[in-house]
Amino acid sequence: MSDLRASLQEALARLEEVLRVAEDDIVRDAAVQRFEFCFELGWKVVQQALRAEGLDCASPRSCFAAAFRRGWLRDEASGLTMLEDRNRTTHTYDQELAIDVYRRLPKHLAVLRELLRALP
């Protein structure tokens, strides 16, 4: 397993860990931050896997689209939803946004775990 894959696996475990804790402002902020780490590692792992196959992608959007085309993601929309959530939480802070994103984190976690399992 590559260092990036191992890092993603560890980051996903940490995200899962925080999602088991009762929600409050601190837990929600920690979960969103951990999701951001997972997202970054996720698209970079896809980029690494594509490069190993002689292909390339330069952005999260293009990497997740390629992962969908390769069958590593079940649906392209889930990758785009994660990208939108990461972009919104990274560049702005809004309590309502954080709550909305937090509610989607279990699904994002499942998508990233599935992606990790599907990669060659």
C-alpha atoms as a PDB file:
ATOM      1  CA  MET A   1       0.000   0.000   0.000  1.00  0.00           C
ATOM      2  CA  SER A   2       1.380   3.407  -0.944  1.00  0.00           C
ATOM      3  CA  ASP A   3       2.002   6.070   1.660  1.00  0.00           C
ATOM      4  CA  LEU A   4      -0.911   8.106   0.279  1.00  0.00           C
ATOM      5  CA  ARG A   5      -3.283   5.154   0.514  1.00  0.00           C
ATOM      6  CA  ALA A   6      -2.154   4.389   4.052  1.00  0.00           C
ATOM      7  CA  SER A   7      -2.628   8.052   4.979  1.00  0.00           C
ATOM      8  CA  LEU A   8      -6.107   8.043   3.454  1.00  0.00           C
ATOM      9  CA  GLN A   9      -7.025   4.861   5.305  1.00  0.00           C
ATOM     10  CA  GLU A  10      -5.864   6.404   8.592  1.00  0.00           C
ATOM     11  CA  ALA A  11      -7.657   9.703   7.872  1.00  0.00           C
ATOM     12  CA  LEU A  12     -10.889   7.839   7.112  1.00  0.00           C
ATOM     13  CA  ALA A  13     -10.609   5.979  10.417  1.00  0.00           C
ATOM     14  CA  ARG A  14     -10.187   9.307  12.214  1.00  0.00           C
ATOM     15  CA  LEU A  15     -13.208  10.769  10.426  1.00  0.00           C
ATOM     16  CA  GLU A  16     -15.258   7.726  11.362  1.00  0.00           C
ATOM     17  CA  GLU A  17     -14.056   8.088  14.957  1.00  0.00           C
ATOM     18  CA  VAL A  18     -15.226  11.699  15.275  1.00  0.00           C
ATOM     19  CA  LEU A  19     -18.563  10.881  13.659  1.00  0.00           C
ATOM     20  CA  ARG A  20     -19.267   8.446  16.521  1.00  0.00           C
ATOM     21  CA  VAL A  21     -18.979  11.260  19.100  1.00  0.00           C
ATOM     22  CA  ALA A  22     -22.091  13.192  20.128  1.00  0.00           C
ATOM     23  CA  GLU A  23     -22.450  16.271  17.943  1.00  0.00           C
ATOM     24  CA  ASP A  24     -21.608  19.703  19.299  1.00  0.00           C
ATOM     25  CA  ASP A  25     -19.855  22.711  17.750  1.00  0.00           C
ATOM     26  CA  ILE A  26     -16.359  21.381  18.429  1.00  0.00           C
ATOM     27  CA  VAL A  27     -17.113  17.869  17.186  1.00  0.00           C
ATOM     28  CA  ARG A  28     -18.786  19.260  14.064  1.00  0.00           C
ATOM     29  CA  ASP A  29     -15.808  21.515  13.294  1.00  0.00           C
ATOM     30  CA  ALA A  30     -13.378  18.640  13.879  1.00  0.00           C
ATOM     31  CA  ALA A  31     -15.403  16.335  11.626  1.00  0.00           C
ATOM     32  CA  VAL A  32     -15.526  18.889   8.818  1.00  0.00           C
ATOM     33  CA  GLN A  33     -11.757  19.436   9.107  1.00  0.00           C
ATOM     34  CA  ARG A  34     -11.120  15.701   9.032  1.00  0.00           C
ATOM     35  CA  PHE A  35     -13.346  15.408   5.967  1.00  0.00           C
ATOM     36  CA  GLU A  36     -11.251  18.077   4.240  1.00  0.00           C
ATOM     37  CA  PHE A  37      -8.099  16.002   4.915  1.00  0.00           C
ATOM     38  CA  CYS A  38      -9.826  12.873   3.593  1.00  0.00           C
ATOM     39  CA  PHE A  39     -11.009  14.655   0.481  1.00  0.00           C
ATOM     40  CA  GLU A  40      -7.523  15.962  -0.322  1.00  0.00           C
ATOM     41  CA  LEU A  41      -5.963  12.552   0.183  1.00  0.00           C
ATOM     42  CA  GLY A  42      -8.773  10.918  -1.795  1.00  0.00           C
ATOM     43  CA  TRP A  43      -8.248  12.837  -4.984  1.00  0.00           C
ATOM     44  CA  LYS A  44      -4.475  12.552  -4.693  1.00  0.00           C
ATOM     45  CA  VAL A  45      -4.749   8.765  -4.324  1.00  0.00           C
ATOM     46  CA  VAL A  46      -6.875   8.704  -7.476  1.00  0.00           C
ATOM     47  CA  GLN A  47      -4.298  10.870  -9.234  1.00  0.00           C
ATOM     48  CA  GLN A  48      -1.541   8.454  -8.176  1.00  0.00           C
ATOM     49  CA  ALA A  49      -3.514   5.412  -9.381  1.00  0.00           C
ATOM     50  CA  LEU A  50      -4.225   7.049 -12.739  1.00  0.00           C
ATOM     51  CA  ARG A  51      -0.578   7.960 -13.211  1.00  0.00           C
ATOM     52  CA  ALA A  52       0.346   4.333 -12.566  1.00  0.00           C
ATOM     53  CA  GLU A  53      -1.903   3.486 -15.522  1.00  0.00           C
ATOM     54  CA  GLY A  54      -0.304   6.141 -17.725  1.00  0.00           C
ATOM     55  CA  LEU A  55      -3.134   8.644 -17.320  1.00  0.00           C
ATOM     56  CA  ASP A  56      -3.236  11.978 -15.550  1.00  0.00           C
ATOM     57  CA  CYS A  57      -5.644  14.350 -13.886  1.00  0.00           C
ATOM     58  CA  ALA A  58      -4.754  17.764 -12.549  1.00  0.00           C
ATOM     59  CA  SER A  59      -7.663  18.688 -10.304  1.00  0.00           C
ATOM     60  CA  PRO A  60     -10.076  17.019  -7.896  1.00  0.00           C
ATOM     61  CA  ARG A  61     -12.903  17.435 -10.422  1.00  0.00           C
ATOM     62  CA  SER A  62     -10.989  15.743 -13.241  1.00  0.00           C
ATOM     63  CA  CYS A  63      -9.668  13.018 -10.927  1.00  0.00           C
ATOM     64  CA  PHE A  64     -13.117  12.108  -9.594  1.00  0.00           C
ATOM     65  CA  ALA A  65     -14.557  12.178 -13.127  1.00  0.00           C
ATOM     66  CA  ALA A  66     -11.805   9.801 -14.237  1.00  0.00           C
ATOM     67  CA  ALA A  67     -12.419   7.591 -11.181  1.00  0.00           C
ATOM     68  CA  PHE A  68     -16.077   7.359 -12.210  1.00  0.00           C
ATOM     69  CA  ARG A  69     -15.161   6.471 -15.811  1.00  0.00           C
ATOM     70  CA  ARG A  70     -12.779   3.768 -14.515  1.00  0.00           C
ATOM     71  CA  GLY A  71     -15.521   2.311 -12.304  1.00  0.00           C
ATOM     72  CA  TRP A  72     -13.813   3.287  -9.041  1.00  0.00           C
ATOM     73  CA  LEU A  73     -16.749   5.536  -8.078  1.00  0.00           C
ATOM     74  CA  ARG A  74     -20.310   4.275  -8.371  1.00  0.00           C
ATOM     75  CA  ASP A  75     -21.666   7.680  -9.412  1.00  0.00           C
ATOM     76  CA  GLU A  76     -19.955  10.859 -10.495  1.00  0.00           C
ATOM     77  CA  ALA A  77     -22.364  13.064  -8.524  1.00  0.00           C
ATOM     78  CA  SER A  78     -20.994  11.825  -5.195  1.00  0.00           C
ATOM     79  CA  GLY A  79     -17.507  13.021  -6.136  1.00  0.00           C
ATOM     80  CA  LEU A  80     -18.866  16.389  -7.215  1.00  0.00           C
ATOM     81  CA  THR A  81     -20.892  16.766  -4.017  1.00  0.00           C
ATOM     82  CA  MET A  82     -17.768  16.102  -1.959  1.00  0.00           C
ATOM     83  CA  LEU A  83     -15.855  18.648  -4.045  1.00  0.00           C
ATOM     84  CA  GLU A  84     -18.555  21.283  -3.524  1.00  0.00           C
ATOM     85  CA  ASP A  85     -18.657  20.613   0.216  1.00  0.00           C
ATOM     86  CA  ARG A  86     -14.878  20.782   0.503  1.00  0.00           C
ATOM     87  CA  ASN A  87     -14.731  24.025  -1.484  1.00  0.00           C
ATOM     88  CA  ARG A  88     -17.457  25.661   0.568  1.00  0.00           C
ATOM     89  CA  THR A  89     -16.029  24.651   3.956  1.00  0.00           C
ATOM     90  CA  THR A  90     -12.449  25.490   3.011  1.00  0.00           C
ATOM     91  CA  HIS A  91     -13.151  28.994   1.750  1.00  0.00           C
ATOM     92  CA  THR A  92     -15.898  30.198   4.068  1.00  0.00           C
ATOM     93  CA  TYR A  93     -17.157  29.485   7.534  1.00  0.00           C
ATOM     94  CA  ASP A  94     -20.840  29.574   8.172  1.00  0.00           C
ATOM     95  CA  GLN A  95     -22.544  27.703  10.993  1.00  0.00           C
ATOM     96  CA  GLU A  96     -25.502  26.623   8.836  1.00  0.00           C
ATOM     97  CA  LEU A  97     -23.149  25.402   6.106  1.00  0.00           C
ATOM     98  CA  ALA A  98     -21.106  23.445   8.645  1.00  0.00           C
ATOM     99  CA  ILE A  99     -24.270  21.758   9.910  1.00  0.00           C
ATOM    100  CA  ASP A 100     -25.375  20.881   6.358  1.00  0.00           C
ATOM    101  CA  VAL A 101     -21.988  19.440   5.445  1.00  0.00           C
ATOM    102  CA  TYR A 102     -21.734  17.574   8.743  1.00  0.00           C
ATOM    103  CA  ARG A 103     -24.999  15.789   7.939  1.00  0.00           C
ATOM    104  CA  ARG A 104     -23.511  14.549   4.635  1.00  0.00           C
ATOM    105  CA  LEU A 105     -20.233  13.317   6.157  1.00  0.00           C
ATOM    106  CA  PRO A 106     -21.365   9.712   6.737  1.00  0.00           C
ATOM    107  CA  LYS A 107     -22.172   9.425   3.019  1.00  0.00           C
ATOM    108  CA  HIS A 108     -18.874  11.058   2.045  1.00  0.00           C
ATOM    109  CA  LEU A 109     -17.060   8.639   4.343  1.00  0.00           C
ATOM    110  CA  ALA A 110     -18.767   5.680   2.664  1.00  0.00           C
ATOM    111  CA  VAL A 111     -17.935   6.986  -0.823  1.00  0.00           C
ATOM    112  CA  LEU A 112     -14.267   7.487   0.050  1.00  0.00           C
ATOM    113  CA  ARG A 113     -14.034   4.036   1.663  1.00  0.00           C
ATOM    114  CA  GLU A 114     -15.615   2.467  -1.436  1.00  0.00           C
ATOM    115  CA  LEU A 115     -13.219   4.391  -3.666  1.00  0.00           C
ATOM    116  CA  LEU A 116     -10.210   3.207  -1.665  1.00  0.00           C
ATOM    117  CA  ARG A 117     -11.368  -0.423  -1.960  1.00  0.00           C
ATOM    118  CA  ALA A 118     -11.999  -0.092  -5.715  1.00  0.00           C
ATOM    119  CA  LEU A 119      -8.628   1.359  -6.642  1.00  0.00           C
ATOM    120  CA  PRO A 120      -6.205  -1.027  -8.349  1.00  0.00           C
END
